[in-house]
N, C-alpha and C. Protein backbone atom coordinates (compact mmCIF):
# COMPACT_ATOMS: atom_id res chain seq x y z
N MET A 1 -6.37 -4.75 -16.77
CA MET A 1 -5.71 -4.04 -15.33
C MET A 1 -6.20 -2.95 -14.99
N ALA A 2 -6.12 -1.71 -16.00
CA ALA A 2 -6.18 -0.32 -15.87
C ALA A 2 -7.35 -0.26 -15.26
N LEU A 3 -8.89 -0.93 -15.50
CA LEU A 3 -10.16 -0.79 -14.98
C LEU A 3 -10.36 -0.96 -13.10
N GLU A 4 -9.24 -2.33 -13.27
CA GLU A 4 -9.20 -2.70 -11.59
C GLU A 4 -8.37 -1.43 -11.22
N VAL A 5 -7.37 -0.81 -11.92
CA VAL A 5 -6.16 0.14 -10.83
C VAL A 5 -6.98 0.98 -10.60
N THR A 6 -7.96 1.10 -11.47
CA THR A 6 -9.07 2.26 -11.38
C THR A 6 -10.21 2.35 -10.36
N LEU A 7 -10.50 1.39 -10.59
CA LEU A 7 -11.38 1.20 -9.28
C LEU A 7 -11.29 1.16 -7.94
N THR A 8 -10.26 0.75 -8.22
CA THR A 8 -9.51 0.96 -6.21
C THR A 8 -9.07 1.83 -6.40
N LEU A 9 -8.40 2.97 -6.97
CA LEU A 9 -7.96 4.01 -6.32
C LEU A 9 -9.50 4.75 -6.35
N LYS A 10 -10.79 5.27 -7.13
CA LYS A 10 -11.63 5.82 -6.97
C LYS A 10 -12.22 5.24 -5.73
N SER A 11 -12.41 3.77 -5.08
CA SER A 11 -12.93 3.64 -3.82
C SER A 11 -12.09 4.24 -2.94
N ARG A 12 -10.79 4.24 -2.81
CA ARG A 12 -9.91 4.46 -1.55
C ARG A 12 -10.07 6.44 -1.60
N LEU A 13 -10.34 7.18 -2.67
CA LEU A 13 -10.07 8.39 -2.89
C LEU A 13 -11.66 8.86 -2.23
N GLY A 14 -12.55 7.87 -2.07
CA GLY A 14 -14.23 8.03 -1.65
C GLY A 14 -13.95 7.98 -0.11
N GLN A 15 -13.14 7.49 0.16
CA GLN A 15 -13.25 7.29 1.23
C GLN A 15 -12.46 8.78 2.28
N LEU A 16 -11.72 9.26 1.66
CA LEU A 16 -10.66 10.52 2.67
C LEU A 16 -11.64 12.03 2.13
N PRO A 17 -11.50 12.90 2.85
CA PRO A 17 -11.74 14.00 2.51
C PRO A 17 -11.87 14.53 1.29
N ALA A 18 -12.84 15.12 0.75
CA ALA A 18 -12.90 15.64 -0.41
C ALA A 18 -11.62 17.10 -0.21
N ALA A 19 -10.88 16.74 -1.74
CA ALA A 19 -9.89 17.71 -1.88
C ALA A 19 -11.05 18.54 -2.76
N ARG A 20 -9.45 19.92 -1.83
CA ARG A 20 -10.25 21.33 -2.27
C ARG A 20 -9.62 22.31 -3.41
N ASN A 21 -8.86 21.47 -4.32
CA ASN A 21 -8.05 21.93 -5.56
C ASN A 21 -7.41 20.80 -6.14
N GLU A 22 -6.82 21.32 -7.38
CA GLU A 22 -6.35 20.60 -7.93
C GLU A 22 -5.15 19.85 -7.52
N ARG A 23 -4.21 20.98 -6.91
CA ARG A 23 -3.40 20.15 -6.34
C ARG A 23 -3.20 19.26 -5.05
N ASP A 24 -4.68 19.70 -4.07
CA ASP A 24 -4.75 18.49 -2.98
C ASP A 24 -5.45 17.04 -3.73
N LEU A 25 -6.02 17.24 -4.53
CA LEU A 25 -6.56 15.86 -5.25
C LEU A 25 -5.12 14.77 -5.93
N GLN A 26 -4.56 16.06 -6.66
CA GLN A 26 -3.13 15.38 -7.24
C GLN A 26 -2.30 14.82 -6.29
N LYS A 27 -2.25 15.16 -4.70
CA LYS A 27 -1.48 15.05 -3.51
C LYS A 27 -1.88 13.48 -2.98
N GLN A 28 -3.28 13.57 -3.02
CA GLN A 28 -3.85 12.37 -2.25
C GLN A 28 -4.35 11.29 -3.87
N ILE A 29 -4.19 11.39 -4.67
CA ILE A 29 -3.96 10.25 -6.38
C ILE A 29 -2.48 9.26 -6.26
N ILE A 30 -1.29 10.50 -5.84
CA ILE A 30 0.04 9.87 -5.65
C ILE A 30 -0.14 9.18 -4.54
N GLY A 31 -0.38 9.49 -3.72
CA GLY A 31 0.21 9.06 -1.84
C GLY A 31 -1.20 7.93 -2.07
N GLN A 32 -1.92 7.83 -2.82
CA GLN A 32 -3.50 5.87 -2.77
C GLN A 32 -1.89 5.33 -3.33
N MET A 33 -1.78 5.75 -4.68
CA MET A 33 -0.79 4.50 -5.51
C MET A 33 0.04 4.48 -4.76
N ARG A 34 1.04 4.98 -4.23
CA ARG A 34 2.18 4.68 -3.67
C ARG A 34 1.71 3.55 -2.61
N SER A 35 0.58 3.68 -2.25
CA SER A 35 0.29 2.96 -0.85
C SER A 35 0.40 1.79 -1.29
N CYS A 36 -0.85 1.57 -2.55
CA CYS A 36 -1.04 0.58 -3.12
C CYS A 36 0.44 -0.16 -3.63
N GLN A 37 1.70 0.49 -3.98
CA GLN A 37 2.91 -0.29 -4.63
C GLN A 37 3.39 -1.11 -3.45
N ARG A 38 3.44 -0.56 -2.47
CA ARG A 38 3.79 -1.41 -1.06
C ARG A 38 2.69 -2.43 -0.23
N GLN A 39 1.47 -2.61 -1.25
CA GLN A 39 1.14 -3.79 -0.99
C GLN A 39 0.98 -5.08 -2.11
N PRO A 40 2.16 -5.86 -2.27
CA PRO A 40 2.57 -6.42 -2.94
C PRO A 40 1.04 -7.62 -3.22
N GLU A 41 0.36 -8.21 -2.51
CA GLU A 41 -1.19 -8.80 -2.83
C GLU A 41 -1.43 -8.27 -3.85
N GLN A 42 -2.03 -6.77 -3.33
CA GLN A 42 -2.73 -6.22 -4.04
C GLN A 42 -2.28 -5.66 -5.78
N VAL A 43 -0.99 -5.70 -5.66
CA VAL A 43 -0.41 -5.93 -7.24
C VAL A 43 -0.26 -6.67 -7.59
N ARG A 44 -0.46 -8.03 -7.58
CA ARG A 44 -0.65 -9.33 -7.58
C ARG A 44 -2.02 -9.65 -8.11
N ALA A 45 -2.76 -9.41 -7.21
CA ALA A 45 -4.52 -9.22 -7.52
C ALA A 45 -4.59 -8.85 -8.88
N PHE A 46 -3.98 -7.57 -9.47
CA PHE A 46 -4.61 -6.66 -10.25
C PHE A 46 -4.07 -7.53 -12.09
N PHE A 47 -2.85 -8.48 -11.67
CA PHE A 47 -2.43 -9.27 -12.79
C PHE A 47 -3.13 -10.75 -13.03
N ASN A 48 -3.99 -11.01 -11.82
CA ASN A 48 -4.79 -12.74 -12.03
C ASN A 48 -6.04 -12.06 -12.55
N SER A 49 -6.35 -10.96 -13.24
CA SER A 49 -7.50 -11.06 -12.60
C SER A 49 -7.68 -11.46 -14.95
N ASN A 50 -8.83 -12.08 -15.17
CA ASN A 50 -8.88 -12.99 -16.75
C ASN A 50 -8.53 -11.40 -17.52
N SER A 51 -8.52 -10.36 -17.35
CA SER A 51 -8.02 -9.44 -18.33
C SER A 51 -7.00 -9.21 -18.70
N THR A 52 -6.41 -9.73 -17.70
CA THR A 52 -4.65 -9.46 -17.65
C THR A 52 -3.82 -10.69 -17.64
N ARG A 53 -4.59 -11.97 -17.84
CA ARG A 53 -3.68 -13.16 -17.74
C ARG A 53 -2.78 -13.55 -18.64
N TYR A 54 -1.45 -13.59 -18.29
CA TYR A 54 -0.56 -13.82 -19.61
C TYR A 54 -1.02 -15.30 -20.07
N ALA A 55 -1.04 -15.43 -21.39
CA ALA A 55 -1.06 -17.35 -22.01
C ALA A 55 0.53 -17.71 -21.54
N ALA A 56 0.86 -19.11 -21.17
CA ALA A 56 1.84 -19.39 -20.70
C ALA A 56 2.16 -20.77 -22.10
């Protein structure tokens, strides 16, 4: 799951203007992670990957 989250975050950050300093980068990261939290389909998709499926 962590890999999928990281790849999604990097993809989204690549579409934004480059951060000028560490603080701007941190704001962009937090903003993108919060945006992801508001998308239930995206969160479910992270848990549906083969690497994070739970045995039933």
